[in-house]
Amino acid sequence: MNTLSATLSNGQFNLVYNILSLGLASMLFTSIFLFVGRDRVLPRYRMAVMVSGTVTAIATYHYFRMFDNFNHAFAGMTENNPDAYNVGYRYVDWLLTVPLLLVELVAVLALARAAQSSILNRLVPAAAAMIVLGYPGDAKLDIMGIAPSVWGLLSTIPFLYILYVLFIELGKSLTKQSEAVQRKVKLLRLLLIATWGVYPITFILAMGSTGFNADQFVAREVGYSIADVLAKCLFGLVIFSIARIKSAEESADFAKTEFKD
């Protein structure tokens, strides 16, 4: 292995170190906020807030593991060991948290049970399939004779299906929501597109490369981490705000207590 390609510069190391630290802190303190603040919404919306807190709590654990793994692979070495950096930590995290992100979005709308079950029964398996199919591509694994680029292409099929359900099927349910809630949900859908779009872009940029490339590694870790913070922390906080809006719409006493001048 080429020593230059296997070594991060001090600036590159510090950038990834700091961005992983940012991700860890963001996930941890968002979790604390959501769990502490769950009583500031009506009981029927607390499940959505708790799921949001669970998402960031799971991510907190995995960011701790990634942070520790990154130090093990790259810290204090003239020639790093990039093969020791386990990209699987991110995919295990996404396998758990991406379906839960969709669950919290549907849960906070308090849809009729039949409509909620119908949407989740399609979104959750599609989200799991997207992550499982994407891992061999990102990890550059040739499984069953299928090239990594093909795995990446296959993972876009459930991704497009998720977008269809969110924008078409879920969109039909938004007509029963207030304008304030509709604006928030539309923001969440755009946030998912913007953040999830980072992953295929990063994957495409790395296609065709062999071995370890320091610039691509740094771009991937920084891009993934920023997208994670937005897709989990910011997403969870918007879910919390939707829960509070709907609580105020349904209870005059809640609105008077929580939103008094």
C-alpha atoms as a PDB file:
ATOM      1  CA  MET A   1       0.000   0.000   0.000  1.00  0.00           C
ATOM      2  CA  ASN A   2       1.268   3.469  -0.876  1.00  0.00           C
ATOM      3  CA  THR A   3       2.367   5.316   2.294  1.00  0.00           C
ATOM      4  CA  LEU A   4       1.095   8.658   1.050  1.00  0.00           C
ATOM      5  CA  SER A   5      -2.386   7.320   0.210  1.00  0.00           C
ATOM      6  CA  ALA A   6      -2.588   5.511   3.557  1.00  0.00           C
ATOM      7  CA  THR A   7      -1.802   8.590   5.634  1.00  0.00           C
ATOM      8  CA  LEU A   8      -4.027  11.484   6.628  1.00  0.00           C
ATOM      9  CA  SER A   9      -2.393  14.885   6.994  1.00  0.00           C
ATOM     10  CA  ASN A  10      -2.690  16.612  10.363  1.00  0.00           C
ATOM     11  CA  GLY A  11      -5.354  18.889   8.929  1.00  0.00           C
ATOM     12  CA  GLN A  12      -7.365  15.979   7.525  1.00  0.00           C
ATOM     13  CA  PHE A  13      -7.071  14.024  10.761  1.00  0.00           C
ATOM     14  CA  ASN A  14      -8.209  16.999  12.843  1.00  0.00           C
ATOM     15  CA  LEU A  15     -11.144  17.705  10.516  1.00  0.00           C
ATOM     16  CA  VAL A  16     -12.514  14.166  10.757  1.00  0.00           C
ATOM     17  CA  TYR A  17     -11.722  14.028  14.501  1.00  0.00           C
ATOM     18  CA  ASN A  18     -13.648  17.249  15.108  1.00  0.00           C
ATOM     19  CA  ILE A  19     -16.617  16.341  12.906  1.00  0.00           C
ATOM     20  CA  LEU A  20     -17.031  12.986  14.656  1.00  0.00           C
ATOM     21  CA  SER A  21     -16.807  14.824  17.979  1.00  0.00           C
ATOM     22  CA  LEU A  22     -19.492  17.240  16.783  1.00  0.00           C
ATOM     23  CA  GLY A  23     -21.701  14.336  15.734  1.00  0.00           C
ATOM     24  CA  LEU A  24     -21.258  12.610  19.097  1.00  0.00           C
ATOM     25  CA  ALA A  25     -22.063  15.751  21.108  1.00  0.00           C
ATOM     26  CA  SER A  26     -25.041  16.658  18.904  1.00  0.00           C
ATOM     27  CA  MET A  27     -26.605  13.211  19.207  1.00  0.00           C
ATOM     28  CA  LEU A  28     -26.008  12.995  22.956  1.00  0.00           C
ATOM     29  CA  PHE A  29     -27.472  16.345  23.932  1.00  0.00           C
ATOM     30  CA  THR A  30     -30.379  16.104  21.489  1.00  0.00           C
ATOM     31  CA  SER A  31     -31.260  12.796  23.149  1.00  0.00           C
ATOM     32  CA  ILE A  32     -31.144  14.393  26.594  1.00  0.00           C
ATOM     33  CA  PHE A  33     -33.316  17.305  25.455  1.00  0.00           C
ATOM     34  CA  LEU A  34     -35.949  15.061  23.846  1.00  0.00           C
ATOM     35  CA  PHE A  35     -36.207  12.667  26.778  1.00  0.00           C
ATOM     36  CA  VAL A  36     -36.420  15.527  29.280  1.00  0.00           C
ATOM     37  CA  GLY A  37     -38.905  17.452  27.121  1.00  0.00           C
ATOM     38  CA  ARG A  38     -41.266  14.553  26.360  1.00  0.00           C
ATOM     39  CA  ASP A  39     -43.746  15.754  29.011  1.00  0.00           C
ATOM     40  CA  ARG A  40     -44.106  19.096  27.213  1.00  0.00           C
ATOM     41  CA  VAL A  41     -46.483  17.509  24.695  1.00  0.00           C
ATOM     42  CA  LEU A  42     -49.800  15.704  25.098  1.00  0.00           C
ATOM     43  CA  PRO A  43     -49.583  11.956  25.904  1.00  0.00           C
ATOM     44  CA  ARG A  44     -50.671  10.842  22.408  1.00  0.00           C
ATOM     45  CA  TYR A  45     -47.605  12.573  20.893  1.00  0.00           C
ATOM     46  CA  ARG A  46     -45.027  11.434  23.433  1.00  0.00           C
ATOM     47  CA  MET A  47     -44.305   8.228  21.535  1.00  0.00           C
ATOM     48  CA  ALA A  48     -43.099  10.238  18.518  1.00  0.00           C
ATOM     49  CA  VAL A  49     -40.831  12.312  20.771  1.00  0.00           C
ATOM     50  CA  MET A  50     -39.507   9.185  22.500  1.00  0.00           C
ATOM     51  CA  VAL A  51     -38.757   7.544  19.146  1.00  0.00           C
ATOM     52  CA  SER A  52     -36.875  10.705  18.131  1.00  0.00           C
ATOM     53  CA  GLY A  53     -34.846  10.500  21.334  1.00  0.00           C
ATOM     54  CA  THR A  54     -34.192   6.809  20.735  1.00  0.00           C
ATOM     55  CA  VAL A  55     -32.855   7.561  17.241  1.00  0.00           C
ATOM     56  CA  THR A  56     -30.301  10.051  18.563  1.00  0.00           C
ATOM     57  CA  ALA A  57     -29.457   7.792  21.523  1.00  0.00           C
ATOM     58  CA  ILE A  58     -28.643   4.911  19.149  1.00  0.00           C
ATOM     59  CA  ALA A  59     -26.584   7.312  17.037  1.00  0.00           C
ATOM     60  CA  THR A  60     -24.755   8.520  20.166  1.00  0.00           C
ATOM     61  CA  TYR A  61     -23.527   4.978  20.811  1.00  0.00           C
ATOM     62  CA  HIS A  62     -22.420   4.446  17.231  1.00  0.00           C
ATOM     63  CA  TYR A  63     -20.669   7.822  17.034  1.00  0.00           C
ATOM     64  CA  PHE A  64     -18.752   6.867  20.154  1.00  0.00           C
ATOM     65  CA  ARG A  65     -17.736   3.631  18.439  1.00  0.00           C
ATOM     66  CA  MET A  66     -16.755   5.447  15.211  1.00  0.00           C
ATOM     67  CA  PHE A  67     -14.795   8.061  17.166  1.00  0.00           C
ATOM     68  CA  ASP A  68     -12.887   5.361  19.044  1.00  0.00           C
ATOM     69  CA  ASN A  69     -12.360   3.311  15.879  1.00  0.00           C
ATOM     70  CA  PHE A  70     -11.070   6.345  13.968  1.00  0.00           C
ATOM     71  CA  ASN A  71      -8.487   7.038  16.672  1.00  0.00           C
ATOM     72  CA  HIS A  72      -7.406   3.404  16.620  1.00  0.00           C
ATOM     73  CA  ALA A  73      -6.975   3.423  12.825  1.00  0.00           C
ATOM     74  CA  PHE A  74      -5.333   6.810  12.310  1.00  0.00           C
ATOM     75  CA  ALA A  75      -4.008   8.440  15.481  1.00  0.00           C
ATOM     76  CA  GLY A  76      -0.269   8.680  16.183  1.00  0.00           C
ATOM     77  CA  MET A  77       0.921   6.637  13.199  1.00  0.00           C
ATOM     78  CA  THR A  78       3.220   7.632  10.360  1.00  0.00           C
ATOM     79  CA  GLU A  79       1.475   5.079   8.181  1.00  0.00           C
ATOM     80  CA  ASN A  80      -2.154   4.698   9.117  1.00  0.00           C
ATOM     81  CA  ASN A  81      -4.227   1.539   8.950  1.00  0.00           C
ATOM     82  CA  PRO A  82      -7.359   2.564   7.019  1.00  0.00           C
ATOM     83  CA  ASP A  83      -8.467  -1.066   6.762  1.00  0.00           C
ATOM     84  CA  ALA A  84      -9.025  -0.952  10.543  1.00  0.00           C
ATOM     85  CA  TYR A  85     -11.695   1.738  10.121  1.00  0.00           C
ATOM     86  CA  ASN A  86     -15.017  -0.067  10.170  1.00  0.00           C
ATOM     87  CA  VAL A  87     -17.617   1.566   7.887  1.00  0.00           C
ATOM     88  CA  GLY A  88     -20.041  -1.040   9.201  1.00  0.00           C
ATOM     89  CA  TYR A  89     -20.688   1.069  12.320  1.00  0.00           C
ATOM     90  CA  ARG A  90     -22.508   3.652  10.193  1.00  0.00           C
ATOM     91  CA  TYR A  91     -24.584   1.036   8.413  1.00  0.00           C
ATOM     92  CA  VAL A  92     -25.630  -0.711  11.623  1.00  0.00           C
ATOM     93  CA  ASP A  93     -26.642   2.716  12.921  1.00  0.00           C
ATOM     94  CA  TRP A  94     -28.618   3.509   9.756  1.00  0.00           C
ATOM     95  CA  LEU A  95     -30.262   0.072   9.747  1.00  0.00           C
ATOM     96  CA  LEU A  96     -31.699   0.876  13.178  1.00  0.00           C
ATOM     97  CA  THR A  97     -32.309   4.610  12.916  1.00  0.00           C
ATOM     98  CA  VAL A  98     -33.533   5.201   9.343  1.00  0.00           C
ATOM     99  CA  PRO A  99     -36.710   3.096   9.792  1.00  0.00           C
ATOM    100  CA  LEU A 100     -37.271   4.817  13.154  1.00  0.00           C
ATOM    101  CA  LEU A 101     -36.996   8.242  11.507  1.00  0.00           C
ATOM    102  CA  LEU A 102     -39.911   7.291   9.296  1.00  0.00           C
ATOM    103  CA  VAL A 103     -41.824   5.850  12.267  1.00  0.00           C
ATOM    104  CA  GLU A 104     -41.534   9.116  14.220  1.00  0.00           C
ATOM    105  CA  LEU A 105     -42.706  11.131  11.220  1.00  0.00           C
ATOM    106  CA  VAL A 106     -45.839   9.024  10.837  1.00  0.00           C
ATOM    107  CA  ALA A 107     -46.430   8.752  14.601  1.00  0.00           C
ATOM    108  CA  VAL A 108     -46.445  12.507  15.204  1.00  0.00           C
ATOM    109  CA  LEU A 109     -49.268  12.990  12.685  1.00  0.00           C
ATOM    110  CA  ALA A 110     -51.584  10.790  14.787  1.00  0.00           C
ATOM    111  CA  LEU A 111     -53.186   9.231  11.711  1.00  0.00           C
ATOM    112  CA  ALA A 112     -55.977   6.691  11.902  1.00  0.00           C
ATOM    113  CA  ARG A 113     -54.587   3.296  12.866  1.00  0.00           C
ATOM    114  CA  ALA A 114     -55.325   1.700   9.492  1.00  0.00           C
ATOM    115  CA  ALA A 115     -53.655   4.525   7.545  1.00  0.00           C
ATOM    116  CA  GLN A 116     -50.662   4.544   9.870  1.00  0.00           C
ATOM    117  CA  SER A 117     -50.166   0.783   9.591  1.00  0.00           C
ATOM    118  CA  SER A 118     -50.503   0.885   5.807  1.00  0.00           C
ATOM    119  CA  ILE A 119     -47.819   3.551   5.433  1.00  0.00           C
ATOM    120  CA  LEU A 120     -45.389   2.058   7.959  1.00  0.00           C
ATOM    121  CA  ASN A 121     -45.747  -1.450   6.508  1.00  0.00           C
ATOM    122  CA  ARG A 122     -44.314  -0.045   3.288  1.00  0.00           C
ATOM    123  CA  LEU A 123     -41.806   2.487   4.593  1.00  0.00           C
ATOM    124  CA  VAL A 124     -40.000   0.393   7.211  1.00  0.00           C
ATOM    125  CA  PRO A 125     -39.111  -2.615   4.990  1.00  0.00           C
ATOM    126  CA  ALA A 126     -38.089  -0.260   2.173  1.00  0.00           C
ATOM    127  CA  ALA A 127     -35.794   1.674   4.525  1.00  0.00           C
ATOM    128  CA  ALA A 128     -34.168  -1.530   5.784  1.00  0.00           C
ATOM    129  CA  ALA A 129     -33.695  -2.785   2.208  1.00  0.00           C
ATOM    130  CA  MET A 130     -32.102   0.529   1.194  1.00  0.00           C
ATOM    131  CA  ILE A 131     -29.479   0.256   3.950  1.00  0.00           C
ATOM    132  CA  VAL A 132     -28.771  -3.464   3.496  1.00  0.00           C
ATOM    133  CA  LEU A 133     -28.313  -3.092  -0.268  1.00  0.00           C
ATOM    134  CA  GLY A 134     -26.170   0.023   0.114  1.00  0.00           C
ATOM    135  CA  TYR A 135     -23.607  -1.465   2.504  1.00  0.00           C
ATOM    136  CA  PRO A 136     -21.773  -3.773   0.040  1.00  0.00           C
ATOM    137  CA  GLY A 137     -21.418  -0.846  -2.354  1.00  0.00           C
ATOM    138  CA  ASP A 138     -19.983   1.566   0.195  1.00  0.00           C
ATOM    139  CA  ALA A 139     -17.720  -1.095   1.718  1.00  0.00           C
ATOM    140  CA  LYS A 140     -16.615  -2.084  -1.823  1.00  0.00           C
ATOM    141  CA  LEU A 141     -17.571  -5.733  -1.319  1.00  0.00           C
ATOM    142  CA  ASP A 142     -18.027  -8.078  -4.257  1.00  0.00           C
ATOM    143  CA  ILE A 143     -20.823 -10.334  -2.970  1.00  0.00           C
ATOM    144  CA  MET A 144     -22.340 -13.109  -5.080  1.00  0.00           C
ATOM    145  CA  GLY A 145     -20.365 -11.784  -8.030  1.00  0.00           C
ATOM    146  CA  ILE A 146     -22.276  -8.484  -7.940  1.00  0.00           C
ATOM    147  CA  ALA A 147     -20.047  -5.416  -8.295  1.00  0.00           C
ATOM    148  CA  PRO A 148     -20.176  -2.699  -5.588  1.00  0.00           C
ATOM    149  CA  SER A 149     -21.568  -0.187  -8.097  1.00  0.00           C
ATOM    150  CA  VAL A 150     -24.513  -2.503  -8.794  1.00  0.00           C
ATOM    151  CA  TRP A 151     -25.276  -2.768  -5.064  1.00  0.00           C
ATOM    152  CA  GLY A 152     -25.327   1.025  -4.931  1.00  0.00           C
ATOM    153  CA  LEU A 153     -27.744   1.129  -7.858  1.00  0.00           C
ATOM    154  CA  LEU A 154     -30.001  -1.489  -6.266  1.00  0.00           C
ATOM    155  CA  SER A 155     -30.207   0.553  -3.051  1.00  0.00           C
ATOM    156  CA  THR A 156     -31.692   3.484  -4.970  1.00  0.00           C
ATOM    157  CA  ILE A 157     -34.812   1.444  -5.828  1.00  0.00           C
ATOM    158  CA  PRO A 158     -36.212   1.347  -2.256  1.00  0.00           C
ATOM    159  CA  PHE A 159     -34.994   4.953  -1.808  1.00  0.00           C
ATOM    160  CA  LEU A 160     -37.175   6.106  -4.710  1.00  0.00           C
ATOM    161  CA  TYR A 161     -40.080   4.059  -3.368  1.00  0.00           C
ATOM    162  CA  ILE A 162     -39.731   5.776   0.027  1.00  0.00           C
ATOM    163  CA  LEU A 163     -39.895   9.159  -1.680  1.00  0.00           C
ATOM    164  CA  TYR A 164     -43.033   8.057  -3.518  1.00  0.00           C
ATOM    165  CA  VAL A 165     -44.748   7.022  -0.272  1.00  0.00           C
ATOM    166  CA  LEU A 166     -43.670  10.193   1.557  1.00  0.00           C
ATOM    167  CA  PHE A 167     -44.704  12.613  -1.168  1.00  0.00           C
ATOM    168  CA  ILE A 168     -47.710  10.857  -2.706  1.00  0.00           C
ATOM    169  CA  GLU A 169     -49.237   8.499  -0.142  1.00  0.00           C
ATOM    170  CA  LEU A 170     -48.412  10.493   2.985  1.00  0.00           C
ATOM    171  CA  GLY A 171     -49.249  13.699   1.131  1.00  0.00           C
ATOM    172  CA  LYS A 172     -52.875  12.591   0.930  1.00  0.00           C
ATOM    173  CA  SER A 173     -53.036  12.492   4.728  1.00  0.00           C
ATOM    174  CA  LEU A 174     -51.668  16.018   5.109  1.00  0.00           C
ATOM    175  CA  THR A 175     -54.914  17.595   3.915  1.00  0.00           C
ATOM    176  CA  LYS A 176     -56.390  16.867   7.343  1.00  0.00           C
ATOM    177  CA  GLN A 177     -53.544  18.647   9.136  1.00  0.00           C
ATOM    178  CA  SER A 178     -53.350  22.344   9.985  1.00  0.00           C
ATOM    179  CA  GLU A 179     -51.327  24.675   7.784  1.00  0.00           C
ATOM    180  CA  ALA A 180     -48.641  24.988  10.472  1.00  0.00           C
ATOM    181  CA  VAL A 181     -48.223  21.207  10.646  1.00  0.00           C
ATOM    182  CA  GLN A 182     -48.267  20.863   6.863  1.00  0.00           C
ATOM    183  CA  ARG A 183     -45.400  23.369   6.575  1.00  0.00           C
ATOM    184  CA  LYS A 184     -43.353  21.442   9.140  1.00  0.00           C
ATOM    185  CA  VAL A 185     -43.954  18.084   7.460  1.00  0.00           C
ATOM    186  CA  LYS A 186     -43.022  19.490   4.065  1.00  0.00           C
ATOM    187  CA  LEU A 187     -39.818  20.794   5.666  1.00  0.00           C
ATOM    188  CA  LEU A 188     -39.087  17.326   7.053  1.00  0.00           C
ATOM    189  CA  ARG A 189     -39.570  15.685   3.657  1.00  0.00           C
ATOM    190  CA  LEU A 190     -37.225  18.169   2.016  1.00  0.00           C
ATOM    191  CA  LEU A 191     -34.736  17.662   4.847  1.00  0.00           C
ATOM    192  CA  LEU A 192     -34.747  13.923   4.213  1.00  0.00           C
ATOM    193  CA  ILE A 193     -34.128  14.414   0.491  1.00  0.00           C
ATOM    194  CA  ALA A 194     -31.320  16.903   1.131  1.00  0.00           C
ATOM    195  CA  THR A 195     -29.568  14.772   3.751  1.00  0.00           C
ATOM    196  CA  TRP A 196     -30.137  11.351   2.218  1.00  0.00           C
ATOM    197  CA  GLY A 197     -28.966  12.779  -1.099  1.00  0.00           C
ATOM    198  CA  VAL A 198     -25.481  13.161   0.374  1.00  0.00           C
ATOM    199  CA  TYR A 199     -25.047   9.391   0.540  1.00  0.00           C
ATOM    200  CA  PRO A 200     -25.484   8.496  -3.158  1.00  0.00           C
ATOM    201  CA  ILE A 201     -23.447  11.552  -4.182  1.00  0.00           C
ATOM    202  CA  THR A 202     -20.566  10.454  -1.961  1.00  0.00           C
ATOM    203  CA  PHE A 203     -20.900   6.900  -3.253  1.00  0.00           C
ATOM    204  CA  ILE A 204     -20.808   8.001  -6.902  1.00  0.00           C
ATOM    205  CA  LEU A 205     -17.723  10.168  -6.337  1.00  0.00           C
ATOM    206  CA  ALA A 206     -15.887   7.177  -4.877  1.00  0.00           C
ATOM    207  CA  MET A 207     -16.832   4.811  -7.698  1.00  0.00           C
ATOM    208  CA  GLY A 208     -13.932   3.525  -9.742  1.00  0.00           C
ATOM    209  CA  SER A 209     -11.305   4.262  -7.087  1.00  0.00           C
ATOM    210  CA  THR A 210      -9.168   1.470  -5.710  1.00  0.00           C
ATOM    211  CA  GLY A 211      -7.417   1.346  -2.367  1.00  0.00           C
ATOM    212  CA  PHE A 212      -7.535   4.112   0.205  1.00  0.00           C
ATOM    213  CA  ASN A 213      -7.868   7.724  -0.900  1.00  0.00           C
ATOM    214  CA  ALA A 214      -7.418  10.248   1.914  1.00  0.00           C
ATOM    215  CA  ASP A 215      -9.398  13.039   0.239  1.00  0.00           C
ATOM    216  CA  GLN A 216     -12.348  10.767  -0.492  1.00  0.00           C
ATOM    217  CA  PHE A 217     -12.260   9.334   3.025  1.00  0.00           C
ATOM    218  CA  VAL A 218     -12.357  12.798   4.600  1.00  0.00           C
ATOM    219  CA  ALA A 219     -15.126  13.996   2.267  1.00  0.00           C
ATOM    220  CA  ARG A 220     -17.188  10.896   3.035  1.00  0.00           C
ATOM    221  CA  GLU A 221     -16.846  11.135   6.814  1.00  0.00           C
ATOM    222  CA  VAL A 222     -17.519  14.886   6.901  1.00  0.00           C
ATOM    223  CA  GLY A 223     -20.484  14.594   4.502  1.00  0.00           C
ATOM    224  CA  TYR A 224     -22.012  11.617   6.279  1.00  0.00           C
ATOM    225  CA  SER A 225     -21.606  13.206   9.715  1.00  0.00           C
ATOM    226  CA  ILE A 226     -23.163  16.545   8.753  1.00  0.00           C
ATOM    227  CA  ALA A 227     -26.025  14.722   7.023  1.00  0.00           C
ATOM    228  CA  ASP A 228     -26.517  12.554  10.124  1.00  0.00           C
ATOM    229  CA  VAL A 229     -26.740  15.561  12.447  1.00  0.00           C
ATOM    230  CA  LEU A 230     -29.338  17.202  10.216  1.00  0.00           C
ATOM    231  CA  ALA A 231     -31.305  14.001   9.523  1.00  0.00           C
ATOM    232  CA  LYS A 232     -31.405  12.909  13.174  1.00  0.00           C
ATOM    233  CA  CYS A 233     -30.969  15.905  15.476  1.00  0.00           C
ATOM    234  CA  LEU A 234     -32.680  18.618  13.447  1.00  0.00           C
ATOM    235  CA  PHE A 235     -35.315  16.137  12.261  1.00  0.00           C
ATOM    236  CA  GLY A 236     -36.035  15.123  15.861  1.00  0.00           C
ATOM    237  CA  LEU A 237     -36.327  18.728  17.013  1.00  0.00           C
ATOM    238  CA  VAL A 238     -38.802  19.495  14.210  1.00  0.00           C
ATOM    239  CA  ILE A 239     -40.804  16.410  15.235  1.00  0.00           C
ATOM    240  CA  PHE A 240     -40.856  17.816  18.779  1.00  0.00           C
ATOM    241  CA  SER A 241     -42.109  21.171  17.497  1.00  0.00           C
ATOM    242  CA  ILE A 242     -44.869  19.446  15.474  1.00  0.00           C
ATOM    243  CA  ALA A 243     -45.924  17.532  18.591  1.00  0.00           C
ATOM    244  CA  ARG A 244     -46.183  20.782  20.520  1.00  0.00           C
ATOM    245  CA  ILE A 245     -48.173  22.493  17.736  1.00  0.00           C
ATOM    246  CA  LYS A 246     -50.645  19.609  17.542  1.00  0.00           C
ATOM    247  CA  SER A 247     -50.893  19.477  21.342  1.00  0.00           C
ATOM    248  CA  ALA A 248     -51.784  23.171  21.416  1.00  0.00           C
ATOM    249  CA  GLU A 249     -54.326  22.725  18.611  1.00  0.00           C
ATOM    250  CA  GLU A 250     -56.089  19.940  20.501  1.00  0.00           C
ATOM    251  CA  SER A 251     -55.988  21.308  24.050  1.00  0.00           C
ATOM    252  CA  ALA A 252     -56.804  24.882  25.034  1.00  0.00           C
ATOM    253  CA  ASP A 253     -55.402  24.227  28.505  1.00  0.00           C
ATOM    254  CA  PHE A 254     -52.110  23.007  27.045  1.00  0.00           C
ATOM    255  CA  ALA A 255     -51.907  26.014  24.733  1.00  0.00           C
ATOM    256  CA  LYS A 256     -52.633  28.389  27.610  1.00  0.00           C
ATOM    257  CA  THR A 257     -49.963  26.779  29.802  1.00  0.00           C
ATOM    258  CA  GLU A 258     -47.217  26.228  27.228  1.00  0.00           C
ATOM    259  CA  PHE A 259     -47.710  29.191  24.902  1.00  0.00           C
ATOM    260  CA  LYS A 260     -48.892  31.921  27.226  1.00  0.00           C
ATOM    261  CA  ASP A 261     -47.628  35.433  26.455  1.00  0.00           C
END
